[in-house]
Amino acid sequence: MKQRLITGIIAGAIFLGFCVIGDMSFHLLVLAMSLVGYYEFVKMIKVRPFSGIASLGFIGVFMIMFPWKLLNITYTPNGEMIWLLLFLLMTMTVLTKNRISIKQVSLLLLGVLYIGVGFYYIAESRHAPDGNGLFWTFLLLSSIWASDAGAYFVGKQWGSHKLWPAISPNKTVEGAVGGVVIAILTAVIFAISSGDLLGLGRACLIGLTCALVGQLGDLMQSAYKRVYNIKDSGKLLPGHGGILDRCDSWIIVFPFVHIVMLLPY
């Protein structure tokens, strides 16, 4: 627990420090996190991280995460780029006469979308066009963390009904509800302190979304780690596991909130 706490404080301080600085520094940090996350994913699915086929996936994540806008480059990753990556990956199955299987390339493409798009929206939140990116990023992160903390402490104190034991045996219904309540309260505090930037109704909806979708993101990772019989996605953060272990909720919540246009800009 001591190691976990120390790692959490140091890693959290570094991440939040870069978040405050913003601009290129923050974007490059998130880009690096996305590549490390993809490396963890590739290892988990039993593909050699530095093989030719995996390299295509790394290039895909890099293309999605590259700071095009900050460098005033008009290119934006789109469906055509994803299709080209799909084409190249599937071509590898032909060239290797199925030594590289359709299952492998499907998982590699899934990882590019899951990780690349997830981290892309984390960076985009900080670069919000209304100039309040730091507020929106802190709002989402705080609501996610509040949900995690609320679920843990409420579940530990009052949890008795298992939420989804086949996927994550320690999570409880009581903990999940506690996480929702604490996340909503956190978002409301942000709204009250924001002046006219964020209304209470939207704040409640954002807090609810961060809790529900964040907990679902956590269950998603628990599900696929169970398939591969691993506890942690990596060992980068002692006591915490890997990048994907710490960011599993983030890379689901941030895209979801943007796609359903919950942020008022």
C-alpha atoms as a PDB file:
ATOM      1  CA  MET A   1       0.000   0.000   0.000  1.00  0.00           C
ATOM      2  CA  LYS A   2       2.876   2.377   0.821  1.00  0.00           C
ATOM      3  CA  GLN A   3       4.467   1.814  -2.578  1.00  0.00           C
ATOM      4  CA  ARG A   4       1.106   2.257  -4.283  1.00  0.00           C
ATOM      5  CA  LEU A   5       0.544   5.557  -2.464  1.00  0.00           C
ATOM      6  CA  ILE A   6       4.017   6.914  -3.258  1.00  0.00           C
ATOM      7  CA  THR A   7       3.735   5.950  -6.928  1.00  0.00           C
ATOM      8  CA  GLY A   8       0.261   7.460  -7.150  1.00  0.00           C
ATOM      9  CA  ILE A   9       1.370  10.778  -5.655  1.00  0.00           C
ATOM     10  CA  ILE A  10       4.448  11.090  -7.868  1.00  0.00           C
ATOM     11  CA  ALA A  11       2.733   9.994 -11.094  1.00  0.00           C
ATOM     12  CA  GLY A  12      -0.324  12.114 -10.343  1.00  0.00           C
ATOM     13  CA  ALA A  13       1.775  15.193  -9.613  1.00  0.00           C
ATOM     14  CA  ILE A  14       3.722  14.778 -12.868  1.00  0.00           C
ATOM     15  CA  PHE A  15       0.591  14.281 -14.952  1.00  0.00           C
ATOM     16  CA  LEU A  16      -1.314  17.164 -13.377  1.00  0.00           C
ATOM     17  CA  GLY A  17       1.753  19.397 -13.638  1.00  0.00           C
ATOM     18  CA  PHE A  18       1.961  18.776 -17.379  1.00  0.00           C
ATOM     19  CA  CYS A  19      -1.797  19.284 -17.583  1.00  0.00           C
ATOM     20  CA  VAL A  20      -1.455  22.736 -16.009  1.00  0.00           C
ATOM     21  CA  ILE A  21       1.360  23.605 -18.434  1.00  0.00           C
ATOM     22  CA  GLY A  22      -0.775  22.361 -21.332  1.00  0.00           C
ATOM     23  CA  ASP A  23       0.010  22.960 -25.003  1.00  0.00           C
ATOM     24  CA  MET A  24       2.729  20.848 -26.643  1.00  0.00           C
ATOM     25  CA  SER A  25       4.223  19.557 -23.375  1.00  0.00           C
ATOM     26  CA  PHE A  26       0.959  17.980 -22.275  1.00  0.00           C
ATOM     27  CA  HIS A  27       0.180  16.626 -25.727  1.00  0.00           C
ATOM     28  CA  LEU A  28       3.582  14.924 -26.023  1.00  0.00           C
ATOM     29  CA  LEU A  29       3.140  13.363 -22.580  1.00  0.00           C
ATOM     30  CA  VAL A  30      -0.255  11.943 -23.588  1.00  0.00           C
ATOM     31  CA  LEU A  31       1.211  10.754 -26.901  1.00  0.00           C
ATOM     32  CA  ALA A  32       3.941   8.899 -24.986  1.00  0.00           C
ATOM     33  CA  MET A  33       1.321   7.383 -22.669  1.00  0.00           C
ATOM     34  CA  SER A  34      -0.681   6.170 -25.652  1.00  0.00           C
ATOM     35  CA  LEU A  35       2.346   4.431 -27.174  1.00  0.00           C
ATOM     36  CA  VAL A  36       3.218   2.770 -23.858  1.00  0.00           C
ATOM     37  CA  GLY A  37      -0.422   1.719 -23.500  1.00  0.00           C
ATOM     38  CA  TYR A  38      -0.381   0.191 -26.971  1.00  0.00           C
ATOM     39  CA  TYR A  39       2.851  -1.623 -26.151  1.00  0.00           C
ATOM     40  CA  GLU A  40       1.119  -3.150 -23.109  1.00  0.00           C
ATOM     41  CA  PHE A  41      -1.861  -4.136 -25.238  1.00  0.00           C
ATOM     42  CA  VAL A  42       0.309  -5.750 -27.921  1.00  0.00           C
ATOM     43  CA  LYS A  43       2.194  -7.794 -25.334  1.00  0.00           C
ATOM     44  CA  MET A  44      -1.056  -8.891 -23.750  1.00  0.00           C
ATOM     45  CA  ILE A  45      -2.456 -10.274 -27.012  1.00  0.00           C
ATOM     46  CA  LYS A  46       0.772 -12.243 -27.527  1.00  0.00           C
ATOM     47  CA  VAL A  47       2.124 -10.276 -30.496  1.00  0.00           C
ATOM     48  CA  ARG A  48       5.817  -9.374 -30.488  1.00  0.00           C
ATOM     49  CA  PRO A  49       5.882  -5.591 -29.772  1.00  0.00           C
ATOM     50  CA  PHE A  50       8.703  -4.864 -32.218  1.00  0.00           C
ATOM     51  CA  SER A  51       7.487  -7.051 -35.075  1.00  0.00           C
ATOM     52  CA  GLY A  52       6.504  -5.598 -38.428  1.00  0.00           C
ATOM     53  CA  ILE A  53       2.798  -6.188 -37.844  1.00  0.00           C
ATOM     54  CA  ALA A  54       2.865  -4.483 -34.445  1.00  0.00           C
ATOM     55  CA  SER A  55       4.787  -1.563 -35.956  1.00  0.00           C
ATOM     56  CA  LEU A  56       1.791  -0.798 -38.171  1.00  0.00           C
ATOM     57  CA  GLY A  57      -0.336  -0.488 -35.032  1.00  0.00           C
ATOM     58  CA  PHE A  58       2.170   1.815 -33.357  1.00  0.00           C
ATOM     59  CA  ILE A  59       2.190   3.990 -36.480  1.00  0.00           C
ATOM     60  CA  GLY A  60      -1.616   4.095 -36.364  1.00  0.00           C
ATOM     61  CA  VAL A  61      -1.632   5.262 -32.724  1.00  0.00           C
ATOM     62  CA  PHE A  62       1.098   7.799 -33.492  1.00  0.00           C
ATOM     63  CA  MET A  63      -0.831   9.202 -36.451  1.00  0.00           C
ATOM     64  CA  ILE A  64      -3.963   9.630 -34.343  1.00  0.00           C
ATOM     65  CA  MET A  65      -2.049  11.224 -31.461  1.00  0.00           C
ATOM     66  CA  PHE A  66       0.400  13.426 -33.381  1.00  0.00           C
ATOM     67  CA  PRO A  67      -0.153  17.131 -32.496  1.00  0.00           C
ATOM     68  CA  TRP A  68      -1.258  18.171 -35.969  1.00  0.00           C
ATOM     69  CA  LYS A  69      -3.317  21.153 -34.817  1.00  0.00           C
ATOM     70  CA  LEU A  70      -0.647  22.509 -32.479  1.00  0.00           C
ATOM     71  CA  LEU A  71       1.797  22.501 -35.390  1.00  0.00           C
ATOM     72  CA  ASN A  72      -0.793  24.197 -37.646  1.00  0.00           C
ATOM     73  CA  ILE A  73      -0.904  21.204 -39.995  1.00  0.00           C
ATOM     74  CA  THR A  74      -4.301  20.841 -41.613  1.00  0.00           C
ATOM     75  CA  TYR A  75      -4.245  17.029 -41.687  1.00  0.00           C
ATOM     76  CA  THR A  76      -6.609  15.317 -39.269  1.00  0.00           C
ATOM     77  CA  PRO A  77      -6.766  11.523 -38.774  1.00  0.00           C
ATOM     78  CA  ASN A  78     -10.013  10.232 -40.249  1.00  0.00           C
ATOM     79  CA  GLY A  79     -11.826   7.192 -41.535  1.00  0.00           C
ATOM     80  CA  GLU A  80      -9.595   7.017 -44.618  1.00  0.00           C
ATOM     81  CA  MET A  81      -6.497   6.686 -42.430  1.00  0.00           C
ATOM     82  CA  ILE A  82      -8.149   3.922 -40.400  1.00  0.00           C
ATOM     83  CA  TRP A  83      -9.152   2.125 -43.609  1.00  0.00           C
ATOM     84  CA  LEU A  84      -5.590   2.355 -44.946  1.00  0.00           C
ATOM     85  CA  LEU A  85      -4.311   0.823 -41.708  1.00  0.00           C
ATOM     86  CA  LEU A  86      -6.936  -1.918 -42.025  1.00  0.00           C
ATOM     87  CA  PHE A  87      -5.804  -2.533 -45.616  1.00  0.00           C
ATOM     88  CA  LEU A  88      -2.141  -2.829 -44.617  1.00  0.00           C
ATOM     89  CA  LEU A  89      -2.869  -5.120 -41.691  1.00  0.00           C
ATOM     90  CA  MET A  90      -5.035  -7.442 -43.749  1.00  0.00           C
ATOM     91  CA  THR A  91      -2.464  -7.437 -46.547  1.00  0.00           C
ATOM     92  CA  MET A  92      -0.040  -8.911 -44.008  1.00  0.00           C
ATOM     93  CA  THR A  93      -2.294 -11.942 -43.618  1.00  0.00           C
ATOM     94  CA  VAL A  94      -1.999 -12.558 -47.364  1.00  0.00           C
ATOM     95  CA  LEU A  95       1.751 -11.961 -47.608  1.00  0.00           C
ATOM     96  CA  THR A  96       2.468 -14.289 -44.688  1.00  0.00           C
ATOM     97  CA  LYS A  97       0.000 -16.932 -45.915  1.00  0.00           C
ATOM     98  CA  ASN A  98      -2.005 -16.651 -42.689  1.00  0.00           C
ATOM     99  CA  ARG A  99       1.026 -17.009 -40.430  1.00  0.00           C
ATOM    100  CA  ILE A 100      -0.211 -13.638 -39.228  1.00  0.00           C
ATOM    101  CA  SER A 101      -3.857 -14.400 -38.618  1.00  0.00           C
ATOM    102  CA  ILE A 102      -7.008 -12.353 -39.083  1.00  0.00           C
ATOM    103  CA  LYS A 103      -7.504 -12.588 -35.317  1.00  0.00           C
ATOM    104  CA  GLN A 104      -4.159 -10.915 -34.670  1.00  0.00           C
ATOM    105  CA  VAL A 105      -4.715  -8.056 -37.102  1.00  0.00           C
ATOM    106  CA  SER A 106      -8.269  -7.558 -35.805  1.00  0.00           C
ATOM    107  CA  LEU A 107      -6.991  -7.206 -32.244  1.00  0.00           C
ATOM    108  CA  LEU A 108      -4.199  -4.875 -33.317  1.00  0.00           C
ATOM    109  CA  LEU A 109      -6.695  -2.598 -35.099  1.00  0.00           C
ATOM    110  CA  LEU A 110      -9.014  -2.755 -32.087  1.00  0.00           C
ATOM    111  CA  GLY A 111      -6.110  -1.640 -29.899  1.00  0.00           C
ATOM    112  CA  VAL A 112      -5.342   1.304 -32.193  1.00  0.00           C
ATOM    113  CA  LEU A 113      -8.924   2.566 -31.925  1.00  0.00           C
ATOM    114  CA  TYR A 114      -9.369   1.780 -28.228  1.00  0.00           C
ATOM    115  CA  ILE A 115      -6.100   3.386 -27.138  1.00  0.00           C
ATOM    116  CA  GLY A 116      -5.417   5.937 -29.859  1.00  0.00           C
ATOM    117  CA  VAL A 117      -8.870   7.523 -29.875  1.00  0.00           C
ATOM    118  CA  GLY A 118      -9.094   7.356 -26.080  1.00  0.00           C
ATOM    119  CA  PHE A 119      -5.886   9.293 -25.490  1.00  0.00           C
ATOM    120  CA  TYR A 120      -6.635  11.611 -28.408  1.00  0.00           C
ATOM    121  CA  TYR A 121      -9.695  12.936 -26.613  1.00  0.00           C
ATOM    122  CA  ILE A 122      -7.762  13.370 -23.381  1.00  0.00           C
ATOM    123  CA  ALA A 123      -5.417  15.695 -25.258  1.00  0.00           C
ATOM    124  CA  GLU A 124      -8.299  17.385 -27.091  1.00  0.00           C
ATOM    125  CA  SER A 125     -10.053  18.180 -23.810  1.00  0.00           C
ATOM    126  CA  ARG A 126      -7.007  20.143 -22.660  1.00  0.00           C
ATOM    127  CA  HIS A 127      -6.935  21.968 -26.014  1.00  0.00           C
ATOM    128  CA  ALA A 128     -10.644  22.911 -25.813  1.00  0.00           C
ATOM    129  CA  PRO A 129     -11.452  25.727 -28.268  1.00  0.00           C
ATOM    130  CA  ASP A 130     -13.206  27.826 -25.612  1.00  0.00           C
ATOM    131  CA  GLY A 131      -9.910  28.301 -23.741  1.00  0.00           C
ATOM    132  CA  ASN A 132     -11.151  26.450 -20.649  1.00  0.00           C
ATOM    133  CA  GLY A 133      -9.422  23.157 -21.379  1.00  0.00           C
ATOM    134  CA  LEU A 134      -7.805  22.936 -17.963  1.00  0.00           C
ATOM    135  CA  PHE A 135     -11.211  23.236 -16.282  1.00  0.00           C
ATOM    136  CA  TRP A 136     -12.835  20.585 -18.487  1.00  0.00           C
ATOM    137  CA  THR A 137      -9.929  18.182 -18.099  1.00  0.00           C
ATOM    138  CA  PHE A 138      -9.848  18.565 -14.322  1.00  0.00           C
ATOM    139  CA  LEU A 139     -13.642  18.213 -14.187  1.00  0.00           C
ATOM    140  CA  LEU A 140     -13.597  14.886 -16.010  1.00  0.00           C
ATOM    141  CA  LEU A 141     -10.554  13.521 -14.207  1.00  0.00           C
ATOM    142  CA  SER A 142     -11.883  14.563 -10.794  1.00  0.00           C
ATOM    143  CA  SER A 143     -15.288  13.017 -11.488  1.00  0.00           C
ATOM    144  CA  ILE A 144     -13.654   9.751 -12.594  1.00  0.00           C
ATOM    145  CA  TRP A 145     -11.360   9.673  -9.566  1.00  0.00           C
ATOM    146  CA  ALA A 146     -14.244  10.555  -7.256  1.00  0.00           C
ATOM    147  CA  SER A 147     -16.240   7.664  -8.707  1.00  0.00           C
ATOM    148  CA  ASP A 148     -13.309   5.277  -8.186  1.00  0.00           C
ATOM    149  CA  ALA A 149     -12.745   6.435  -4.620  1.00  0.00           C
ATOM    150  CA  GLY A 150     -16.443   6.426  -3.778  1.00  0.00           C
ATOM    151  CA  ALA A 151     -16.910   2.934  -5.208  1.00  0.00           C
ATOM    152  CA  TYR A 152     -13.913   1.624  -3.274  1.00  0.00           C
ATOM    153  CA  PHE A 153     -14.728   3.079   0.140  1.00  0.00           C
ATOM    154  CA  VAL A 154     -18.500   2.625  -0.005  1.00  0.00           C
ATOM    155  CA  GLY A 155     -18.066  -0.902  -1.327  1.00  0.00           C
ATOM    156  CA  LYS A 156     -15.561  -1.755   1.374  1.00  0.00           C
ATOM    157  CA  GLN A 157     -17.785  -0.377   4.126  1.00  0.00           C
ATOM    158  CA  TRP A 158     -21.259  -1.437   3.004  1.00  0.00           C
ATOM    159  CA  GLY A 159     -20.851  -3.615  -0.083  1.00  0.00           C
ATOM    160  CA  SER A 160     -22.635  -6.962   0.092  1.00  0.00           C
ATOM    161  CA  HIS A 161     -24.154  -7.487  -3.372  1.00  0.00           C
ATOM    162  CA  LYS A 162     -21.674  -8.401  -6.096  1.00  0.00           C
ATOM    163  CA  LEU A 163     -21.901  -6.201  -9.191  1.00  0.00           C
ATOM    164  CA  TRP A 164     -20.383  -8.527 -11.796  1.00  0.00           C
ATOM    165  CA  PRO A 165     -18.492 -11.369 -10.097  1.00  0.00           C
ATOM    166  CA  ALA A 166     -17.661 -13.209 -13.329  1.00  0.00           C
ATOM    167  CA  ILE A 167     -15.650 -10.187 -14.500  1.00  0.00           C
ATOM    168  CA  SER A 168     -14.563  -8.346 -11.347  1.00  0.00           C
ATOM    169  CA  PRO A 169     -15.320 -10.277  -8.130  1.00  0.00           C
ATOM    170  CA  ASN A 170     -14.524  -7.412  -5.732  1.00  0.00           C
ATOM    171  CA  LYS A 171     -16.913  -4.802  -7.141  1.00  0.00           C
ATOM    172  CA  THR A 172     -20.302  -4.380  -5.456  1.00  0.00           C
ATOM    173  CA  VAL A 173     -23.608  -2.747  -6.331  1.00  0.00           C
ATOM    174  CA  GLU A 174     -23.364  -0.552  -3.229  1.00  0.00           C
ATOM    175  CA  GLY A 175     -19.894   0.589  -4.265  1.00  0.00           C
ATOM    176  CA  ALA A 176     -21.076   1.401  -7.782  1.00  0.00           C
ATOM    177  CA  VAL A 177     -23.940   3.516  -6.433  1.00  0.00           C
ATOM    178  CA  GLY A 178     -21.589   5.247  -4.013  1.00  0.00           C
ATOM    179  CA  GLY A 179     -19.256   6.050  -6.887  1.00  0.00           C
ATOM    180  CA  VAL A 180     -22.107   7.606  -8.867  1.00  0.00           C
ATOM    181  CA  VAL A 181     -23.190   9.799  -5.949  1.00  0.00           C
ATOM    182  CA  ILE A 182     -19.664  11.033  -5.175  1.00  0.00           C
ATOM    183  CA  ALA A 183     -18.942  11.732  -8.860  1.00  0.00           C
ATOM    184  CA  ILE A 184     -22.111  13.809  -9.215  1.00  0.00           C
ATOM    185  CA  LEU A 185     -21.299  15.769  -6.052  1.00  0.00           C
ATOM    186  CA  THR A 186     -17.801  16.437  -7.383  1.00  0.00           C
ATOM    187  CA  ALA A 187     -19.139  17.720 -10.704  1.00  0.00           C
ATOM    188  CA  VAL A 188     -21.637  19.932  -8.851  1.00  0.00           C
ATOM    189  CA  ILE A 189     -18.782  21.479  -6.853  1.00  0.00           C
ATOM    190  CA  PHE A 190     -17.031  22.277 -10.129  1.00  0.00           C
ATOM    191  CA  ALA A 191     -20.233  23.859 -11.456  1.00  0.00           C
ATOM    192  CA  ILE A 192     -20.721  26.033  -8.371  1.00  0.00           C
ATOM    193  CA  SER A 193     -17.127  27.260  -8.570  1.00  0.00           C
ATOM    194  CA  SER A 194     -17.244  27.910 -12.320  1.00  0.00           C
ATOM    195  CA  GLY A 195     -19.493  30.934 -12.442  1.00  0.00           C
ATOM    196  CA  ASP A 196     -21.617  30.684 -15.582  1.00  0.00           C
ATOM    197  CA  LEU A 197     -19.328  28.222 -17.331  1.00  0.00           C
ATOM    198  CA  LEU A 198     -21.153  25.058 -16.233  1.00  0.00           C
ATOM    199  CA  GLY A 199     -24.786  24.722 -15.160  1.00  0.00           C
ATOM    200  CA  LEU A 200     -25.897  22.394 -12.368  1.00  0.00           C
ATOM    201  CA  GLY A 201     -28.029  20.214 -14.634  1.00  0.00           C
ATOM    202  CA  ARG A 202     -25.227  19.579 -17.092  1.00  0.00           C
ATOM    203  CA  ALA A 203     -22.797  19.055 -14.221  1.00  0.00           C
ATOM    204  CA  CYS A 204     -25.007  16.325 -12.759  1.00  0.00           C
ATOM    205  CA  LEU A 205     -25.209  14.667 -16.173  1.00  0.00           C
ATOM    206  CA  ILE A 206     -21.426  14.826 -16.619  1.00  0.00           C
ATOM    207  CA  GLY A 207     -20.833  13.395 -13.132  1.00  0.00           C
ATOM    208  CA  LEU A 208     -23.323  10.594 -13.779  1.00  0.00           C
ATOM    209  CA  THR A 209     -21.720   9.829 -17.144  1.00  0.00           C
ATOM    210  CA  CYS A 210     -18.185   9.815 -15.734  1.00  0.00           C
ATOM    211  CA  ALA A 211     -19.255   7.366 -13.033  1.00  0.00           C
ATOM    212  CA  LEU A 212     -21.302   4.982 -15.182  1.00  0.00           C
ATOM    213  CA  VAL A 213     -19.112   4.997 -18.282  1.00  0.00           C
ATOM    214  CA  GLY A 214     -15.936   5.052 -16.175  1.00  0.00           C
ATOM    215  CA  GLN A 215     -17.012   1.987 -14.220  1.00  0.00           C
ATOM    216  CA  LEU A 216     -17.926   0.302 -17.494  1.00  0.00           C
ATOM    217  CA  GLY A 217     -14.463   1.118 -18.858  1.00  0.00           C
ATOM    218  CA  ASP A 218     -12.927  -0.488 -15.792  1.00  0.00           C
ATOM    219  CA  LEU A 219     -15.065  -3.602 -16.298  1.00  0.00           C
ATOM    220  CA  MET A 220     -14.079  -3.718 -19.979  1.00  0.00           C
ATOM    221  CA  GLN A 221     -10.421  -3.952 -19.059  1.00  0.00           C
ATOM    222  CA  SER A 222     -11.135  -6.485 -16.318  1.00  0.00           C
ATOM    223  CA  ALA A 223     -12.957  -8.574 -18.922  1.00  0.00           C
ATOM    224  CA  TYR A 224     -10.161  -8.712 -21.475  1.00  0.00           C
ATOM    225  CA  LYS A 225      -7.447  -9.167 -18.828  1.00  0.00           C
ATOM    226  CA  ARG A 226      -9.400 -12.153 -17.537  1.00  0.00           C
ATOM    227  CA  VAL A 227      -9.419 -13.619 -21.058  1.00  0.00           C
ATOM    228  CA  TYR A 228      -5.623 -13.424 -21.126  1.00  0.00           C
ATOM    229  CA  ASN A 229      -5.284 -14.412 -17.459  1.00  0.00           C
ATOM    230  CA  ILE A 230      -3.225 -11.397 -16.405  1.00  0.00           C
ATOM    231  CA  LYS A 231      -3.541  -9.199 -13.337  1.00  0.00           C
ATOM    232  CA  ASP A 232      -1.920  -6.020 -14.652  1.00  0.00           C
ATOM    233  CA  SER A 233      -1.375  -4.693 -18.156  1.00  0.00           C
ATOM    234  CA  GLY A 234       2.203  -3.671 -17.318  1.00  0.00           C
ATOM    235  CA  LYS A 235       4.729  -2.856 -14.605  1.00  0.00           C
ATOM    236  CA  LEU A 236       5.547   0.780 -15.353  1.00  0.00           C
ATOM    237  CA  LEU A 237       3.850   2.091 -12.187  1.00  0.00           C
ATOM    238  CA  PRO A 238       4.860   0.038  -9.110  1.00  0.00           C
ATOM    239  CA  GLY A 239       1.815  -0.867  -7.071  1.00  0.00           C
ATOM    240  CA  HIS A 240      -0.531   0.253  -9.848  1.00  0.00           C
ATOM    241  CA  GLY A 241       0.417  -1.840 -12.873  1.00  0.00           C
ATOM    242  CA  GLY A 242       0.665  -0.295 -16.309  1.00  0.00           C
ATOM    243  CA  ILE A 243      -0.650   2.739 -18.158  1.00  0.00           C
ATOM    244  CA  LEU A 244      -3.820   0.917 -19.214  1.00  0.00           C
ATOM    245  CA  ASP A 245      -4.491  -0.151 -15.621  1.00  0.00           C
ATOM    246  CA  ARG A 246      -4.507   3.489 -14.524  1.00  0.00           C
ATOM    247  CA  CYS A 247      -6.226   4.964 -17.578  1.00  0.00           C
ATOM    248  CA  ASP A 248      -8.859   2.325 -18.340  1.00  0.00           C
ATOM    249  CA  SER A 249     -11.708   4.634 -17.317  1.00  0.00           C
ATOM    250  CA  TRP A 250     -10.173   7.728 -18.891  1.00  0.00           C
ATOM    251  CA  ILE A 251      -9.886   6.309 -22.397  1.00  0.00           C
ATOM    252  CA  ILE A 252     -13.565   5.397 -22.385  1.00  0.00           C
ATOM    253  CA  VAL A 253     -15.010   8.450 -20.597  1.00  0.00           C
ATOM    254  CA  PHE A 254     -13.196  11.202 -22.528  1.00  0.00           C
ATOM    255  CA  PRO A 255     -14.262  10.050 -26.016  1.00  0.00           C
ATOM    256  CA  PHE A 256     -17.801   9.297 -24.828  1.00  0.00           C
ATOM    257  CA  VAL A 257     -18.288  12.750 -23.303  1.00  0.00           C
ATOM    258  CA  HIS A 258     -17.055  14.423 -26.491  1.00  0.00           C
ATOM    259  CA  ILE A 259     -19.018  12.231 -28.877  1.00  0.00           C
ATOM    260  CA  VAL A 260     -22.328  12.806 -27.087  1.00  0.00           C
ATOM    261  CA  MET A 261     -21.421  16.514 -26.787  1.00  0.00           C
ATOM    262  CA  LEU A 262     -21.786  16.818 -23.025  1.00  0.00           C
ATOM    263  CA  LEU A 263     -19.165  19.566 -22.770  1.00  0.00           C
ATOM    264  CA  PRO A 264     -20.740  22.951 -23.611  1.00  0.00           C
ATOM    265  CA  TYR A 265     -18.341  24.194 -26.292  1.00  0.00           C
END
